[in-house]
Amino acid sequence: MAPERRTLALVLTGLLLIGMAAFTAWFLTNFERRTREVPIGAAAAARRNPMLAAERFLTRLGIAVESSAGRGLLRQLPPVTDTLVVNDLGPLSTARQAALRTWLQDGGRLVVEAVDLWDDAGDAEASSDDATPAAAPDPDDLPGAFGIRLRETKEKSDEGARDDLDQVLTKAVWMPGSEPLSVAFHPDWYLDAAGVAGATEIIAGERTRMVRLPVGAGMLTVSSDHLFLTNDRIGRHDHALFLAYLVQPAPGGKVWLLYDSAVPWLGTLLWTAAPAGISAAAILVLVWVWSLGARLGPLEQAPNRRRRDLIEHLDAAGAFLWRHGRAAGLVEATRRQVFAVWQRRRPDLHPLAQHDQIAGIAAASGLLPQQVSAALTTQADDAHDFIEQTKVLKALWHGARPRRP
């Protein structure tokens, strides 16, 4: 009986080995090994810093460079031997603009992106009358203080007919006798630097896309957009080499890439300034909350200290004024504010009569003159007219200062 079992075991083992060999041969015949790359998206550092690739490229060139966020570099400027690149420069106070101008005159190099959009229609109306001065620059707009204005292209390009946004190419000469560099700019924005003495302009698509202006011993560079410096576009065309030319610091200097100049929220500022104090306060709050659970004796009914909501108070005050025929006071302050902001935007409205001022505001805002006149000069008789009047005043308020989207 034993030899028969041994023979059966050998036969089964042989069949198993033959089956495994046949399966291996079939698998190798019908399948092949390949390497496949699966995109996992940008890293957290690249998502946080759109100029990370530019920083690493400059580092490989041997240029001292550092990325930063917040407004610390704008409050405490780097040495005048350094170059400061600011992405999406926000509004600056008069004192901060004066400090930047002094820093530039002492030899600093500043590369910024124009953000505040100028109103083409308003400027055209002001320049058509020799007796009326052109619109004053926005006091918060640093490029505007130097006479460099950001404008929007009226001829919008067909978004569906292009693969991406760098369709406006230029050949920028960066060194005498060298080959020009190919640089792409966003087609919807351009700069107006007419009348700025000593400015060097880079033209693309028959419009100015970048302006370089010597300021004392330093250099101010204003671009219509900084897309060519971002992570997904720095490797296209000659963007990387053009970046190295723009930000080249003085001997011994450093390049600062301020990729986000927005003010951080209050929690970040407090934690940066006093982490130990915040931690101690958090522990104190936890201990206080824990102590609320311990009590002696029965609970007493808490007194009712309910107060009227602020919205309810405003609603009641407005209803009272409306019932007693004093609705004019509800919109008078808003009228004055709307008139003031439009007169700041359109200085040519000052010497005009009220009817002509209303016509100018209606033409610039796109509303009907009757609507503007009713909102700014008349008093509503019923609730429906009062609501329409407030809607028009709100539209005039938001339309007084266009900004780049």
Protein backbone atom coordinates (compact mmCIF):
# COMPACT_ATOMS: atom_id res chain seq x y z
CA MET A 1 0.00 0.00 0.00
CA ALA A 2 2.89 2.34 0.75
CA PRO A 3 4.42 2.13 -2.77
CA GLU A 4 1.06 3.01 -4.27
CA ARG A 5 0.73 6.11 -2.06
CA ARG A 6 4.29 7.14 -2.91
CA THR A 7 3.56 6.75 -6.61
CA LEU A 8 0.34 8.80 -6.27
CA ALA A 9 2.18 11.54 -4.39
CA LEU A 10 4.86 11.70 -7.06
CA VAL A 11 2.24 11.89 -9.83
CA LEU A 12 0.34 14.68 -8.07
CA THR A 13 3.56 16.59 -7.40
CA GLY A 14 4.57 16.24 -11.03
CA LEU A 15 1.17 17.45 -12.23
CA LEU A 16 1.40 20.43 -9.86
CA LEU A 17 4.86 21.35 -11.15
CA ILE A 18 3.69 21.00 -14.74
CA GLY A 19 0.65 23.22 -14.03
CA MET A 20 2.84 25.87 -12.37
CA ALA A 21 5.27 25.82 -15.28
CA ALA A 22 2.40 26.11 -17.79
CA PHE A 23 0.85 29.03 -15.86
CA THR A 24 4.22 30.80 -15.66
CA ALA A 25 4.77 30.37 -19.39
CA TRP A 26 1.28 31.66 -20.17
CA PHE A 27 1.70 34.67 -17.85
CA LEU A 28 5.07 35.65 -19.33
CA THR A 29 3.68 35.28 -22.83
CA ASN A 30 0.61 37.47 -22.27
CA PHE A 31 1.98 40.11 -19.84
CA GLU A 32 5.02 42.35 -19.82
CA ARG A 33 6.56 44.52 -17.15
CA ARG A 34 6.36 48.26 -17.67
CA THR A 35 7.15 51.39 -15.63
CA ARG A 36 4.30 53.86 -15.30
CA GLU A 37 4.47 57.36 -13.83
CA VAL A 38 1.41 58.39 -11.81
CA PRO A 39 1.12 62.15 -11.17
CA ILE A 40 0.40 62.93 -7.54
CA GLY A 41 0.21 66.73 -7.88
CA ALA A 42 2.42 69.44 -6.53
CA ALA A 43 4.05 69.12 -3.14
CA ALA A 44 2.77 71.14 -0.19
CA ALA A 45 5.73 73.53 -0.41
CA ALA A 46 5.04 74.17 -4.12
CA ARG A 47 1.33 74.76 -3.48
CA ARG A 48 2.18 77.21 -0.72
CA ASN A 49 4.98 79.01 -2.60
CA PRO A 50 4.32 79.70 -6.33
CA MET A 51 7.95 80.84 -6.71
CA LEU A 52 9.58 77.71 -5.27
CA ALA A 53 10.94 76.60 -8.67
CA ALA A 54 12.38 80.08 -9.26
CA GLU A 55 14.09 79.96 -5.85
CA ARG A 56 15.70 76.58 -6.59
CA PHE A 57 16.82 77.71 -10.05
CA LEU A 58 18.56 80.79 -8.63
CA THR A 59 20.14 78.64 -5.92
CA ARG A 60 21.67 76.36 -8.58
CA LEU A 61 23.11 79.45 -10.27
CA GLY A 62 24.93 80.33 -7.04
CA ILE A 63 22.72 83.36 -6.25
CA ALA A 64 21.78 83.84 -2.60
CA VAL A 65 17.98 83.68 -2.51
CA GLU A 66 15.26 83.23 0.09
CA SER A 67 11.46 83.04 -0.13
CA SER A 68 9.22 84.79 2.35
CA ALA A 69 5.56 85.58 3.08
CA GLY A 70 3.78 88.34 4.94
CA ARG A 71 4.61 92.04 5.03
CA GLY A 72 7.71 91.87 7.20
CA LEU A 73 10.07 92.62 4.30
CA LEU A 74 7.96 95.67 3.37
CA ARG A 75 8.05 97.01 6.93
CA GLN A 76 11.76 96.31 7.43
CA LEU A 77 13.43 96.55 4.03
CA PRO A 78 16.51 94.45 3.21
CA PRO A 79 19.94 96.02 2.55
CA VAL A 80 20.23 98.22 -0.54
CA THR A 81 22.48 95.61 -2.16
CA ASP A 82 19.56 93.14 -2.31
CA THR A 83 16.77 92.58 -4.82
CA LEU A 84 13.16 92.37 -3.62
CA VAL A 85 10.63 90.55 -5.84
CA VAL A 86 7.03 91.09 -4.70
CA ASN A 87 4.17 88.98 -6.05
CA ASP A 88 0.74 90.67 -6.02
CA LEU A 89 1.77 93.88 -4.26
CA GLY A 90 -1.11 95.14 -2.14
CA PRO A 91 -1.94 98.71 -1.09
CA LEU A 92 0.86 100.64 0.61
CA SER A 93 0.59 103.62 2.91
CA THR A 94 2.24 106.93 2.07
CA ALA A 95 4.96 106.35 4.66
CA ARG A 96 5.73 102.87 3.30
CA GLN A 97 5.92 104.20 -0.26
CA ALA A 98 8.30 106.93 0.87
CA ALA A 99 10.53 104.33 2.57
CA LEU A 100 10.56 102.19 -0.59
CA ARG A 101 11.42 105.21 -2.73
CA THR A 102 14.33 106.09 -0.42
CA TRP A 103 15.49 102.46 -0.51
CA LEU A 104 15.44 102.51 -4.32
CA GLN A 105 17.35 105.77 -4.51
CA ASP A 106 20.04 104.31 -2.25
CA GLY A 107 20.58 101.39 -4.64
CA GLY A 108 17.85 98.83 -3.97
CA ARG A 109 16.27 96.78 -6.74
CA LEU A 110 12.49 96.23 -6.69
CA VAL A 111 10.52 93.92 -9.03
CA VAL A 112 6.74 94.24 -8.55
CA GLU A 113 3.55 93.23 -10.33
CA ALA A 114 1.02 95.99 -11.09
CA VAL A 115 -2.34 95.22 -9.47
CA ASP A 116 -4.50 98.36 -9.36
CA LEU A 117 -6.45 98.73 -12.60
CA TRP A 118 -6.84 102.19 -14.10
CA ASP A 119 -10.09 103.27 -15.70
CA ASP A 120 -9.49 103.83 -19.42
CA ALA A 121 -12.82 105.65 -19.95
CA GLY A 122 -12.26 108.09 -17.12
CA ASP A 123 -8.72 108.93 -18.24
CA ALA A 124 -9.83 109.44 -21.83
CA GLU A 125 -12.52 111.93 -20.80
CA ALA A 126 -10.10 113.81 -18.57
CA SER A 127 -7.34 114.03 -21.21
CA SER A 128 -9.75 115.19 -23.95
CA ASP A 129 -10.26 118.55 -22.21
CA ASP A 130 -7.09 120.62 -21.88
CA ALA A 131 -8.57 122.68 -19.08
CA THR A 132 -9.29 119.60 -16.94
CA PRO A 133 -6.35 117.81 -15.29
CA ALA A 134 -5.94 114.07 -15.67
CA ALA A 135 -7.12 111.77 -12.90
CA ALA A 136 -4.84 111.69 -9.87
CA PRO A 137 -3.10 108.39 -9.11
CA ASP A 138 -4.42 106.13 -6.38
CA PRO A 139 -2.44 107.02 -3.24
CA ASP A 140 -2.09 103.30 -2.41
CA ASP A 141 -0.75 102.33 -5.87
CA LEU A 142 3.07 102.30 -5.89
CA PRO A 143 3.55 101.90 -9.70
CA GLY A 144 0.94 104.61 -10.25
CA ALA A 145 2.99 107.00 -8.12
CA PHE A 146 5.80 106.57 -10.67
CA GLY A 147 3.42 107.13 -13.61
CA ILE A 148 3.10 103.44 -14.56
CA ARG A 149 -0.51 102.33 -14.99
CA LEU A 150 -2.07 98.89 -15.40
CA ARG A 151 -4.77 98.70 -18.05
CA GLU A 152 -7.05 95.98 -19.37
CA THR A 153 -7.00 94.91 -22.99
CA LYS A 154 -10.31 95.74 -24.62
CA GLU A 155 -9.93 93.14 -27.37
CA LYS A 156 -10.46 89.98 -25.34
CA SER A 157 -8.81 86.91 -26.82
CA ASP A 158 -10.82 83.76 -27.46
CA GLU A 159 -10.31 81.54 -24.41
CA GLY A 160 -11.48 78.44 -26.22
CA ALA A 161 -9.07 78.88 -29.12
CA ARG A 162 -5.89 78.79 -27.06
CA ASP A 163 -4.36 76.10 -24.91
CA ASP A 164 -2.98 78.39 -22.20
CA LEU A 165 -2.50 82.02 -21.41
CA ASP A 166 1.04 82.64 -22.68
CA GLN A 167 0.22 83.53 -26.25
CA VAL A 168 1.78 87.01 -26.16
CA LEU A 169 5.50 86.45 -26.72
CA THR A 170 8.30 88.97 -26.88
CA LYS A 171 12.01 88.89 -27.62
CA ALA A 172 13.71 90.70 -24.74
CA VAL A 173 17.30 91.83 -25.22
CA TRP A 174 19.00 91.37 -21.87
CA MET A 175 22.66 91.97 -22.73
CA PRO A 176 24.22 93.89 -25.65
CA GLY A 177 25.24 91.49 -28.41
CA SER A 178 23.44 88.50 -26.87
CA GLU A 179 20.56 86.49 -28.23
CA PRO A 180 17.14 87.89 -27.20
CA LEU A 181 15.09 85.90 -24.72
CA SER A 182 11.56 84.63 -25.38
CA VAL A 183 9.19 85.71 -22.61
CA ALA A 184 5.41 85.17 -22.49
CA PHE A 185 2.92 87.52 -20.84
CA HIS A 186 -0.79 87.39 -20.05
CA PRO A 187 -2.61 88.92 -23.04
CA ASP A 188 -5.36 90.65 -21.03
CA TRP A 189 -3.14 93.13 -19.16
CA TYR A 190 -0.64 95.76 -20.26
CA LEU A 191 1.12 98.82 -18.89
CA ASP A 192 0.92 102.49 -19.81
CA ALA A 193 4.14 104.39 -19.08
CA ALA A 194 3.65 107.35 -21.42
CA GLY A 195 5.61 110.38 -20.26
CA VAL A 196 7.80 108.49 -17.76
CA ALA A 197 11.33 109.79 -18.35
CA GLY A 198 14.14 107.23 -18.56
CA ALA A 199 11.84 104.19 -18.65
CA THR A 200 12.79 101.10 -20.68
CA GLU A 201 9.78 99.23 -22.01
CA ILE A 202 9.43 95.59 -23.09
CA ILE A 203 6.79 95.26 -25.80
CA ALA A 204 4.73 92.14 -26.51
CA GLY A 205 1.72 92.01 -28.79
CA GLU A 206 2.20 95.71 -29.64
CA ARG A 207 1.66 96.68 -25.99
CA THR A 208 3.97 97.40 -23.07
CA ARG A 209 4.21 94.43 -20.71
CA MET A 210 7.18 95.43 -18.53
CA VAL A 211 8.79 98.75 -17.57
CA ARG A 212 12.26 99.23 -16.03
CA LEU A 213 12.82 102.63 -14.45
CA PRO A 214 16.06 103.83 -12.80
CA VAL A 215 15.31 105.47 -9.44
CA GLY A 216 18.44 107.11 -8.09
CA ALA A 217 21.06 104.39 -7.73
CA GLY A 218 18.44 101.63 -7.78
CA MET A 219 16.08 100.06 -10.30
CA LEU A 220 12.29 99.67 -10.30
CA THR A 221 10.85 96.92 -12.52
CA VAL A 222 7.07 96.81 -12.99
CA SER A 223 5.42 93.88 -14.80
CA SER A 224 1.87 93.54 -16.06
CA ASP A 225 1.84 90.04 -14.56
CA HIS A 226 4.20 87.62 -12.82
CA LEU A 227 2.85 84.42 -14.33
CA PHE A 228 6.18 83.72 -16.05
CA LEU A 229 7.80 83.45 -12.57
CA THR A 230 5.41 80.79 -11.21
CA ASN A 231 6.18 77.11 -10.77
CA ASP A 232 4.22 75.84 -13.79
CA ARG A 233 5.63 78.46 -16.22
CA ILE A 234 9.21 79.11 -15.13
CA GLY A 235 10.40 76.22 -17.32
CA ARG A 236 8.77 77.53 -20.52
CA HIS A 237 10.52 79.59 -23.18
CA ASP A 238 13.42 81.56 -21.61
CA HIS A 239 11.60 82.50 -18.42
CA ALA A 240 14.23 81.12 -16.04
CA LEU A 241 17.13 82.97 -17.70
CA PHE A 242 15.05 86.15 -17.93
CA LEU A 243 14.33 85.86 -14.18
CA ALA A 244 18.07 85.62 -13.44
CA TYR A 245 18.62 88.79 -15.49
CA LEU A 246 15.83 90.69 -13.72
CA VAL A 247 16.77 89.89 -10.13
CA GLN A 248 20.57 89.99 -10.39
CA PRO A 249 21.60 91.65 -7.09
CA ALA A 250 24.61 93.84 -6.42
CA PRO A 251 27.88 92.10 -5.43
CA GLY A 252 27.37 90.49 -2.05
CA GLY A 253 23.60 91.02 -2.27
CA LYS A 254 20.70 88.63 -1.92
CA VAL A 255 17.41 88.00 -3.71
CA TRP A 256 14.18 88.00 -1.67
CA LEU A 257 11.09 86.37 -3.23
CA LEU A 258 8.04 87.74 -1.43
CA TYR A 259 5.49 85.31 -2.87
CA ASP A 260 2.61 86.38 -0.59
CA SER A 261 2.46 89.93 0.77
CA ALA A 262 -0.96 89.56 2.40
CA VAL A 263 -1.27 90.28 6.11
CA PRO A 264 -1.52 86.98 8.05
CA TRP A 265 -4.52 86.47 10.26
CA LEU A 266 -4.42 87.56 13.89
CA GLY A 267 -3.85 84.06 15.26
CA THR A 268 -0.64 83.62 13.27
CA LEU A 269 0.66 87.01 14.38
CA LEU A 270 -0.07 86.28 18.05
CA TRP A 271 1.51 82.82 17.91
CA THR A 272 4.62 84.21 16.22
CA ALA A 273 4.96 87.01 18.76
CA ALA A 274 4.18 85.10 21.97
CA PRO A 275 3.82 81.30 21.67
CA ALA A 276 4.44 80.78 25.41
CA GLY A 277 1.76 83.29 26.36
CA ILE A 278 -0.79 81.72 23.99
CA SER A 279 -0.04 78.25 25.38
CA ALA A 280 -0.42 79.49 28.97
CA ALA A 281 -3.72 81.20 28.14
CA ALA A 282 -5.02 78.01 26.48
CA ILE A 283 -4.13 75.94 29.55
CA LEU A 284 -5.80 78.53 31.79
CA VAL A 285 -8.99 78.37 29.73
CA LEU A 286 -9.00 74.56 29.88
CA VAL A 287 -8.59 74.65 33.68
CA TRP A 288 -11.37 77.25 33.95
CA VAL A 289 -13.72 75.13 31.82
CA TRP A 290 -12.89 72.06 33.94
CA SER A 291 -13.59 74.03 37.12
CA LEU A 292 -17.08 74.89 35.91
CA GLY A 293 -18.07 71.26 36.35
CA ALA A 294 -17.44 71.36 40.10
CA ARG A 295 -20.18 72.98 42.21
CA LEU A 296 -21.48 73.06 45.78
CA GLY A 297 -25.19 72.87 46.47
CA PRO A 298 -28.09 72.98 44.01
CA LEU A 299 -28.09 75.06 40.83
CA GLU A 300 -29.90 78.40 40.86
CA GLN A 301 -31.97 79.76 38.02
CA ALA A 302 -29.88 82.23 36.03
CA PRO A 303 -31.49 85.68 35.66
CA ASN A 304 -32.72 86.69 32.23
CA ARG A 305 -30.23 89.20 30.82
CA ARG A 306 -31.35 89.03 27.21
CA ARG A 307 -30.55 92.15 25.23
CA ARG A 308 -32.04 93.36 21.98
CA ASP A 309 -30.00 92.39 18.93
CA LEU A 310 -28.21 95.25 17.15
CA ILE A 311 -29.99 94.43 13.88
CA GLU A 312 -33.34 94.68 15.65
CA HIS A 313 -32.33 98.05 17.08
CA LEU A 314 -31.34 99.38 13.66
CA ASP A 315 -34.56 98.02 12.16
CA ALA A 316 -36.67 99.72 14.82
CA ALA A 317 -34.79 103.03 14.48
CA GLY A 318 -35.21 102.98 10.69
CA ALA A 319 -38.92 102.20 10.97
CA PHE A 320 -39.38 105.06 13.45
CA LEU A 321 -37.66 107.58 11.17
CA TRP A 322 -39.68 106.36 8.18
CA ARG A 323 -43.02 106.70 10.04
CA HIS A 324 -42.23 110.25 11.15
CA GLY A 325 -41.16 111.47 7.71
CA ARG A 326 -37.43 111.69 8.47
CA ALA A 327 -36.22 109.12 5.90
CA ALA A 328 -33.88 111.65 4.33
CA GLY A 329 -31.44 111.17 7.18
CA LEU A 330 -31.18 107.44 6.39
CA VAL A 331 -29.49 108.02 3.04
CA GLU A 332 -27.93 111.48 3.39
CA ALA A 333 -24.62 110.18 4.78
CA THR A 334 -24.45 107.56 2.03
CA ARG A 335 -25.04 110.24 -0.61
CA ARG A 336 -22.18 112.33 0.73
CA GLN A 337 -19.84 109.32 0.76
CA VAL A 338 -20.78 108.34 -2.81
CA PHE A 339 -20.28 111.91 -4.06
CA ALA A 340 -16.91 112.13 -2.28
CA VAL A 341 -15.54 108.89 -3.71
CA TRP A 342 -16.66 109.77 -7.25
CA GLN A 343 -15.08 113.23 -6.97
CA ARG A 344 -11.81 111.63 -5.85
CA ARG A 345 -11.92 109.29 -8.81
CA ARG A 346 -13.05 111.97 -11.27
CA PRO A 347 -11.46 115.32 -10.34
CA ASP A 348 -12.96 116.81 -13.50
CA LEU A 349 -16.40 116.72 -11.82
CA HIS A 350 -15.52 119.43 -9.26
CA PRO A 351 -16.12 122.55 -11.41
CA LEU A 352 -19.26 121.17 -13.08
CA ALA A 353 -22.83 121.89 -12.17
CA GLN A 354 -24.80 119.23 -10.32
CA HIS A 355 -26.66 118.11 -13.46
CA ASP A 356 -23.38 117.66 -15.36
CA GLN A 357 -21.81 115.85 -12.41
CA ILE A 358 -24.69 113.38 -12.35
CA ALA A 359 -24.39 112.87 -16.12
CA GLY A 360 -20.66 112.16 -15.78
CA ILE A 361 -21.20 109.67 -12.94
CA ALA A 362 -23.95 107.91 -14.92
CA ALA A 363 -21.73 107.62 -18.00
CA ALA A 364 -18.81 106.18 -16.00
CA SER A 365 -20.93 103.74 -13.95
CA GLY A 366 -23.14 102.49 -16.78
CA LEU A 367 -26.39 103.48 -15.05
CA LEU A 368 -29.15 105.68 -16.41
CA PRO A 369 -28.93 109.40 -15.56
CA GLN A 370 -32.47 109.23 -14.18
CA GLN A 371 -31.44 106.48 -11.75
CA VAL A 372 -28.33 108.36 -10.58
CA SER A 373 -30.27 111.64 -10.21
CA ALA A 374 -33.05 109.95 -8.24
CA ALA A 375 -30.53 108.25 -5.94
CA LEU A 376 -28.39 111.33 -5.26
CA THR A 377 -30.88 114.22 -5.24
CA THR A 378 -34.46 113.11 -4.59
CA GLN A 379 -36.28 111.62 -1.65
CA ALA A 380 -38.19 108.34 -2.02
CA ASP A 381 -41.94 108.50 -1.34
CA ASP A 382 -42.64 104.86 -0.62
CA ALA A 383 -40.80 101.74 0.51
CA HIS A 384 -40.31 100.38 -3.00
CA ASP A 385 -38.65 103.58 -4.24
CA PHE A 386 -36.52 103.73 -1.09
CA ILE A 387 -35.23 100.18 -1.69
CA GLU A 388 -34.43 101.00 -5.34
CA GLN A 389 -32.61 104.15 -4.22
CA THR A 390 -30.39 102.18 -1.82
CA LYS A 391 -29.64 99.61 -4.55
CA VAL A 392 -28.46 102.35 -6.92
CA LEU A 393 -26.33 103.96 -4.18
CA LYS A 394 -24.72 100.60 -3.46
CA ALA A 395 -23.97 100.06 -7.17
CA LEU A 396 -22.42 103.55 -7.40
CA TRP A 397 -20.30 102.88 -4.31
CA HIS A 398 -18.90 99.58 -5.61
CA GLY A 399 -18.40 100.94 -9.12
CA ALA A 400 -16.37 103.94 -8.03
CA ARG A 401 -13.03 102.10 -7.95
CA PRO A 402 -12.43 99.20 -10.37
CA ARG A 403 -9.72 96.70 -9.43
CA ARG A 404 -8.03 93.87 -11.21
CA PRO A 405 -9.88 90.54 -10.69
